[in-house]
Amino acid sequence: MEKEDITHKIIGTAYNVFNTLGFGFLESIYHKALLIELQKAGLKAESEKALKVYYNDIVIGDFSIDVFVEDAVVIELKSVENLSKVHEVQLVNYLNGMKKDIGLLINFGPSGVEVKRKYRKSKTECAE
């Protein structure tokens, strides 16, 4: 399955979660519900996945991400009023440090699901 297809499925599951729960829960509640929806969608999802962080191709530590889907997509979850640039930069830093190509920043906010797709490389390089 292509990474873009995976991200579309993930986004659909996030909307299912929000349509069921609405706004106002802690991030941990959305996290658990999203894992259920991802499993129902037939996607392999790992919660609190520890991944290696690289610096100049040398492993310098481990980092735990919210959800890792199909060994390809990093998901960072939020339940805040508004996403900020800091949240986006955080996800891109995770992608760079872990040498992963694509990530989704998903916020379960008061006006609905907000999704930001972020790339370590350009979209064309990620598709290869």
N, C-alpha and C. Protein backbone atom coordinates (compact mmCIF):
# COMPACT_ATOMS: atom_id res chain seq x y z
N MET A 1 0.85 -1.17 0.00
CA MET A 1 0.00 0.00 0.00
C MET A 1 0.90 1.24 0.00
N GLU A 2 0.57 2.18 -0.84
CA GLU A 2 1.33 3.43 -0.94
C GLU A 2 1.15 4.28 0.32
N LYS A 3 2.16 5.06 0.66
CA LYS A 3 2.10 5.90 1.85
C LYS A 3 0.93 6.88 1.81
N GLU A 4 0.65 7.41 0.63
CA GLU A 4 -0.47 8.36 0.51
C GLU A 4 -1.80 7.65 0.79
N ASP A 5 -1.94 6.40 0.33
CA ASP A 5 -3.15 5.62 0.61
C ASP A 5 -3.29 5.37 2.11
N ILE A 6 -2.17 5.07 2.75
CA ILE A 6 -2.17 4.84 4.19
C ILE A 6 -2.62 6.11 4.91
N THR A 7 -2.07 7.26 4.52
CA THR A 7 -2.44 8.51 5.20
C THR A 7 -3.92 8.82 5.01
N HIS A 8 -4.47 8.54 3.83
CA HIS A 8 -5.90 8.78 3.60
C HIS A 8 -6.74 7.91 4.53
N LYS A 9 -6.35 6.65 4.70
CA LYS A 9 -7.08 5.75 5.60
C LYS A 9 -6.98 6.24 7.04
N ILE A 10 -5.79 6.68 7.44
CA ILE A 10 -5.59 7.18 8.79
C ILE A 10 -6.50 8.39 9.05
N ILE A 11 -6.53 9.31 8.11
CA ILE A 11 -7.35 10.52 8.26
C ILE A 11 -8.82 10.13 8.38
N GLY A 12 -9.26 9.16 7.61
CA GLY A 12 -10.65 8.69 7.72
C GLY A 12 -10.95 8.13 9.10
N THR A 13 -10.00 7.40 9.67
CA THR A 13 -10.22 6.85 11.01
C THR A 13 -10.28 7.97 12.05
N ALA A 14 -9.49 9.02 11.86
CA ALA A 14 -9.52 10.15 12.80
C ALA A 14 -10.90 10.81 12.78
N TYR A 15 -11.49 10.95 11.59
CA TYR A 15 -12.83 11.52 11.50
C TYR A 15 -13.86 10.62 12.16
N ASN A 16 -13.70 9.30 12.04
CA ASN A 16 -14.61 8.37 12.71
C ASN A 16 -14.55 8.57 14.23
N VAL A 17 -13.33 8.72 14.74
CA VAL A 17 -13.16 8.94 16.18
C VAL A 17 -13.84 10.23 16.61
N PHE A 18 -13.59 11.30 15.88
CA PHE A 18 -14.17 12.59 16.26
C PHE A 18 -15.69 12.57 16.14
N ASN A 19 -16.20 11.95 15.09
CA ASN A 19 -17.65 11.88 14.92
C ASN A 19 -18.33 11.12 16.06
N THR A 20 -17.60 10.19 16.65
CA THR A 20 -18.14 9.42 17.77
C THR A 20 -17.96 10.14 19.11
N LEU A 21 -16.76 10.68 19.35
CA LEU A 21 -16.46 11.27 20.65
C LEU A 21 -16.69 12.77 20.75
N GLY A 22 -16.54 13.48 19.62
CA GLY A 22 -16.60 14.93 19.68
C GLY A 22 -15.36 15.50 20.34
N PHE A 23 -15.45 16.76 20.76
CA PHE A 23 -14.31 17.46 21.37
C PHE A 23 -14.43 17.46 22.88
N GLY A 24 -13.28 17.50 23.56
CA GLY A 24 -13.29 17.72 24.99
C GLY A 24 -12.61 16.66 25.81
N PHE A 25 -12.13 15.61 25.19
CA PHE A 25 -11.43 14.56 25.92
C PHE A 25 -9.92 14.81 25.93
N LEU A 26 -9.25 14.13 26.84
CA LEU A 26 -7.79 14.17 26.85
C LEU A 26 -7.25 13.45 25.63
N GLU A 27 -6.04 13.81 25.27
CA GLU A 27 -5.37 13.18 24.12
C GLU A 27 -5.34 11.65 24.25
N SER A 28 -5.15 11.16 25.45
CA SER A 28 -5.05 9.71 25.67
C SER A 28 -6.33 8.97 25.26
N ILE A 29 -7.48 9.60 25.42
CA ILE A 29 -8.75 8.98 25.01
C ILE A 29 -8.82 8.88 23.49
N TYR A 30 -8.46 9.96 22.81
CA TYR A 30 -8.45 9.93 21.34
C TYR A 30 -7.43 8.91 20.84
N HIS A 31 -6.31 8.83 21.53
CA HIS A 31 -5.24 7.90 21.16
C HIS A 31 -5.78 6.46 21.17
N LYS A 32 -6.42 6.08 22.24
CA LYS A 32 -6.96 4.72 22.36
C LYS A 32 -8.05 4.46 21.33
N ALA A 33 -8.93 5.42 21.13
CA ALA A 33 -9.99 5.26 20.14
C ALA A 33 -9.42 5.16 18.73
N LEU A 34 -8.40 5.95 18.43
CA LEU A 34 -7.79 5.91 17.10
C LEU A 34 -7.15 4.54 16.86
N LEU A 35 -6.51 3.98 17.86
CA LEU A 35 -5.92 2.65 17.70
C LEU A 35 -6.99 1.61 17.35
N ILE A 36 -8.15 1.71 17.97
CA ILE A 36 -9.25 0.79 17.66
C ILE A 36 -9.69 0.97 16.21
N GLU A 37 -9.85 2.20 15.79
CA GLU A 37 -10.30 2.48 14.41
C GLU A 37 -9.26 2.04 13.38
N LEU A 38 -7.98 2.26 13.69
CA LEU A 38 -6.92 1.83 12.76
C LEU A 38 -6.95 0.31 12.59
N GLN A 39 -7.15 -0.39 13.69
CA GLN A 39 -7.23 -1.85 13.63
C GLN A 39 -8.44 -2.28 12.80
N LYS A 40 -9.59 -1.62 13.02
CA LYS A 40 -10.79 -1.94 12.25
C LYS A 40 -10.57 -1.69 10.76
N ALA A 41 -9.72 -0.72 10.43
CA ALA A 41 -9.43 -0.38 9.03
C ALA A 41 -8.39 -1.31 8.42
N GLY A 42 -7.89 -2.25 9.21
CA GLY A 42 -6.91 -3.20 8.69
C GLY A 42 -5.49 -2.68 8.63
N LEU A 43 -5.21 -1.64 9.40
CA LEU A 43 -3.87 -1.05 9.41
C LEU A 43 -3.10 -1.53 10.64
N LYS A 44 -1.83 -1.83 10.44
CA LYS A 44 -0.95 -2.20 11.54
C LYS A 44 -0.52 -0.92 12.24
N ALA A 45 -0.89 -0.80 13.52
CA ALA A 45 -0.57 0.41 14.27
C ALA A 45 0.10 0.04 15.58
N GLU A 46 1.19 0.74 15.88
CA GLU A 46 1.92 0.53 17.12
C GLU A 46 1.84 1.79 17.95
N SER A 47 1.42 1.63 19.20
CA SER A 47 1.26 2.74 20.12
C SER A 47 2.54 2.97 20.91
N GLU A 48 2.86 4.26 21.13
CA GLU A 48 4.05 4.63 21.90
C GLU A 48 5.28 3.89 21.40
N LYS A 49 5.43 3.87 20.08
CA LYS A 49 6.51 3.15 19.41
C LYS A 49 7.84 3.85 19.66
N ALA A 50 8.80 3.08 20.15
CA ALA A 50 10.16 3.61 20.34
C ALA A 50 10.93 3.47 19.03
N LEU A 51 11.46 4.56 18.57
CA LEU A 51 12.26 4.56 17.34
C LEU A 51 13.61 5.19 17.63
N LYS A 52 14.58 4.80 16.83
CA LYS A 52 15.93 5.33 16.97
C LYS A 52 16.00 6.75 16.43
N VAL A 53 16.77 7.60 17.12
CA VAL A 53 17.03 8.96 16.67
C VAL A 53 18.45 9.00 16.15
N TYR A 54 18.62 9.57 14.95
CA TYR A 54 19.91 9.61 14.29
C TYR A 54 20.47 11.03 14.25
N TYR A 55 21.78 11.11 14.35
CA TYR A 55 22.52 12.34 14.14
C TYR A 55 23.73 11.97 13.30
N ASN A 56 23.81 12.53 12.07
CA ASN A 56 24.89 12.18 11.14
C ASN A 56 25.02 10.66 10.98
N ASP A 57 23.89 10.00 10.79
CA ASP A 57 23.82 8.55 10.59
C ASP A 57 24.28 7.72 11.79
N ILE A 58 24.37 8.34 12.94
CA ILE A 58 24.73 7.64 14.17
C ILE A 58 23.53 7.67 15.11
N VAL A 59 23.16 6.52 15.65
CA VAL A 59 22.06 6.46 16.61
C VAL A 59 22.49 7.16 17.89
N ILE A 60 21.71 8.15 18.29
CA ILE A 60 22.05 8.90 19.51
C ILE A 60 21.00 8.71 20.60
N GLY A 61 19.97 7.93 20.32
CA GLY A 61 18.97 7.69 21.36
C GLY A 61 17.70 7.11 20.78
N ASP A 62 16.75 6.91 21.68
CA ASP A 62 15.43 6.42 21.32
C ASP A 62 14.42 7.49 21.63
N PHE A 63 13.33 7.46 20.90
CA PHE A 63 12.25 8.41 21.11
C PHE A 63 10.95 7.68 20.92
N SER A 64 9.98 8.00 21.73
CA SER A 64 8.67 7.35 21.63
C SER A 64 7.70 8.28 20.92
N ILE A 65 7.07 7.78 19.86
CA ILE A 65 6.08 8.55 19.13
C ILE A 65 4.69 8.04 19.49
N ASP A 66 3.67 8.86 19.26
CA ASP A 66 2.31 8.47 19.65
C ASP A 66 1.87 7.19 18.96
N VAL A 67 1.87 7.21 17.62
CA VAL A 67 1.42 6.03 16.86
C VAL A 67 2.29 5.90 15.61
N PHE A 68 2.63 4.68 15.27
CA PHE A 68 3.40 4.38 14.06
C PHE A 68 2.58 3.38 13.26
N VAL A 69 2.23 3.74 12.02
CA VAL A 69 1.31 2.94 11.22
C VAL A 69 2.02 2.34 10.01
N GLU A 70 1.81 1.03 9.84
CA GLU A 70 2.33 0.29 8.68
C GLU A 70 3.83 0.47 8.50
N ASP A 71 4.56 0.62 9.58
CA ASP A 71 6.01 0.80 9.55
C ASP A 71 6.43 1.96 8.65
N ALA A 72 5.54 2.95 8.48
CA ALA A 72 5.84 4.01 7.54
C ALA A 72 5.41 5.41 8.00
N VAL A 73 4.28 5.54 8.68
CA VAL A 73 3.71 6.85 8.96
C VAL A 73 3.74 7.14 10.47
N VAL A 74 4.35 8.27 10.81
CA VAL A 74 4.42 8.74 12.19
C VAL A 74 3.19 9.61 12.45
N ILE A 75 2.48 9.32 13.54
CA ILE A 75 1.33 10.14 13.92
C ILE A 75 1.61 10.80 15.26
N GLU A 76 1.44 12.11 15.28
CA GLU A 76 1.52 12.89 16.50
C GLU A 76 0.11 13.40 16.78
N LEU A 77 -0.44 13.06 17.93
CA LEU A 77 -1.80 13.43 18.29
C LEU A 77 -1.82 14.62 19.23
N LYS A 78 -2.83 15.45 19.05
CA LYS A 78 -3.06 16.59 19.93
C LYS A 78 -4.56 16.70 20.20
N SER A 79 -4.88 17.32 21.33
CA SER A 79 -6.26 17.68 21.65
C SER A 79 -6.20 19.08 22.25
N VAL A 80 -6.01 20.05 21.36
CA VAL A 80 -5.83 21.44 21.77
C VAL A 80 -6.77 22.33 20.99
N GLU A 81 -6.96 23.54 21.47
CA GLU A 81 -7.86 24.47 20.80
C GLU A 81 -7.37 24.79 19.39
N ASN A 82 -6.08 25.05 19.25
CA ASN A 82 -5.50 25.38 17.95
C ASN A 82 -4.10 24.77 17.84
N LEU A 83 -3.80 24.22 16.68
CA LEU A 83 -2.43 23.78 16.42
C LEU A 83 -1.57 25.01 16.20
N SER A 84 -0.32 24.91 16.59
CA SER A 84 0.61 26.01 16.36
C SER A 84 1.76 25.52 15.49
N LYS A 85 2.54 26.44 15.02
CA LYS A 85 3.72 26.12 14.20
C LYS A 85 4.67 25.21 14.98
N VAL A 86 4.73 25.38 16.28
CA VAL A 86 5.60 24.56 17.13
C VAL A 86 5.25 23.08 16.99
N HIS A 87 3.95 22.77 16.95
CA HIS A 87 3.52 21.38 16.80
C HIS A 87 4.00 20.80 15.46
N GLU A 88 3.91 21.61 14.41
CA GLU A 88 4.34 21.16 13.08
C GLU A 88 5.85 20.94 13.05
N VAL A 89 6.59 21.88 13.61
CA VAL A 89 8.05 21.78 13.64
C VAL A 89 8.46 20.55 14.45
N GLN A 90 7.76 20.30 15.55
CA GLN A 90 8.03 19.13 16.38
C GLN A 90 7.93 17.85 15.55
N LEU A 91 6.87 17.71 14.77
CA LEU A 91 6.68 16.51 13.94
C LEU A 91 7.79 16.39 12.89
N VAL A 92 8.12 17.49 12.23
CA VAL A 92 9.18 17.43 11.22
C VAL A 92 10.52 17.06 11.86
N ASN A 93 10.78 17.57 13.05
CA ASN A 93 12.00 17.19 13.76
C ASN A 93 12.00 15.70 14.07
N TYR A 94 10.86 15.15 14.47
CA TYR A 94 10.77 13.71 14.71
C TYR A 94 11.08 12.94 13.44
N LEU A 95 10.51 13.38 12.32
CA LEU A 95 10.75 12.69 11.04
C LEU A 95 12.22 12.74 10.67
N ASN A 96 12.84 13.90 10.81
CA ASN A 96 14.25 14.03 10.48
C ASN A 96 15.12 13.20 11.40
N GLY A 97 14.85 13.28 12.69
CA GLY A 97 15.67 12.56 13.65
C GLY A 97 15.54 11.05 13.55
N MET A 98 14.36 10.58 13.11
CA MET A 98 14.12 9.14 13.03
C MET A 98 14.26 8.59 11.62
N LYS A 99 14.57 9.49 10.68
CA LYS A 99 14.72 9.10 9.27
C LYS A 99 13.46 8.43 8.73
N LYS A 100 12.31 9.01 9.05
CA LYS A 100 11.02 8.56 8.52
C LYS A 100 10.53 9.65 7.58
N ASP A 101 9.85 9.24 6.50
CA ASP A 101 9.52 10.18 5.44
C ASP A 101 8.24 10.99 5.63
N ILE A 102 7.23 10.41 6.28
CA ILE A 102 5.94 11.08 6.31
C ILE A 102 5.30 10.97 7.69
N GLY A 103 4.64 12.06 8.07
CA GLY A 103 3.96 12.09 9.35
C GLY A 103 2.67 12.88 9.27
N LEU A 104 1.77 12.56 10.19
CA LEU A 104 0.51 13.28 10.30
C LEU A 104 0.40 13.87 11.70
N LEU A 105 0.10 15.15 11.74
CA LEU A 105 -0.22 15.83 12.98
C LEU A 105 -1.74 15.90 13.01
N ILE A 106 -2.35 15.22 13.97
CA ILE A 106 -3.81 15.15 14.03
C ILE A 106 -4.27 15.80 15.34
N ASN A 107 -5.11 16.82 15.20
CA ASN A 107 -5.67 17.51 16.36
C ASN A 107 -7.17 17.28 16.42
N PHE A 108 -7.62 16.82 17.59
CA PHE A 108 -9.04 16.68 17.85
C PHE A 108 -9.46 17.95 18.58
N GLY A 109 -9.78 18.99 17.80
CA GLY A 109 -10.05 20.31 18.34
C GLY A 109 -11.52 20.63 18.42
N PRO A 110 -11.84 21.82 18.95
CA PRO A 110 -13.25 22.19 19.16
C PRO A 110 -14.06 22.32 17.87
N SER A 111 -13.40 22.62 16.76
CA SER A 111 -14.13 22.77 15.50
C SER A 111 -14.01 21.54 14.60
N GLY A 112 -13.46 20.45 15.12
CA GLY A 112 -13.35 19.22 14.35
C GLY A 112 -11.92 18.72 14.29
N VAL A 113 -11.72 17.78 13.38
CA VAL A 113 -10.40 17.18 13.19
C VAL A 113 -9.58 18.11 12.30
N GLU A 114 -8.38 18.39 12.73
CA GLU A 114 -7.44 19.18 11.92
C GLU A 114 -6.23 18.29 11.66
N VAL A 115 -5.86 18.17 10.39
CA VAL A 115 -4.76 17.29 10.01
C VAL A 115 -3.72 18.09 9.22
N LYS A 116 -2.47 17.92 9.60
CA LYS A 116 -1.35 18.50 8.85
C LYS A 116 -0.46 17.34 8.43
N ARG A 117 -0.22 17.23 7.15
CA ARG A 117 0.68 16.20 6.61
C ARG A 117 2.05 16.83 6.45
N LYS A 118 3.06 16.18 7.02
CA LYS A 118 4.42 16.71 6.98
C LYS A 118 5.36 15.67 6.40
N TYR A 119 6.39 16.16 5.71
CA TYR A 119 7.35 15.29 5.03
C TYR A 119 8.76 15.61 5.46
N ARG A 120 9.57 14.57 5.55
CA ARG A 120 11.01 14.77 5.78
C ARG A 120 11.67 15.22 4.49
N LYS A 121 11.22 14.66 3.39
CA LYS A 121 11.74 15.00 2.06
C LYS A 121 10.59 15.59 1.25
N SER A 122 10.88 15.96 0.02
CA SER A 122 9.81 16.45 -0.84
C SER A 122 8.87 15.30 -1.16
N LYS A 123 7.64 15.61 -1.56
CA LYS A 123 6.63 14.58 -1.85
C LYS A 123 7.13 13.60 -2.91
N THR A 124 7.81 14.07 -3.93
CA THR A 124 8.27 13.16 -4.99
C THR A 124 9.31 12.18 -4.47
N GLU A 125 10.17 12.63 -3.57
CA GLU A 125 11.15 11.72 -3.01
C GLU A 125 10.49 10.68 -2.12
N CYS A 126 9.41 11.07 -1.40
CA CYS A 126 8.71 10.14 -0.52
C CYS A 126 7.99 9.05 -1.30
N ALA A 127 7.54 9.38 -2.51
CA ALA A 127 6.77 8.42 -3.31
C ALA A 127 7.64 7.32 -3.90
N GLU A 128 8.93 7.56 -3.93
CA GLU A 128 9.83 6.57 -4.54
C GLU A 128 9.97 5.32 -3.71
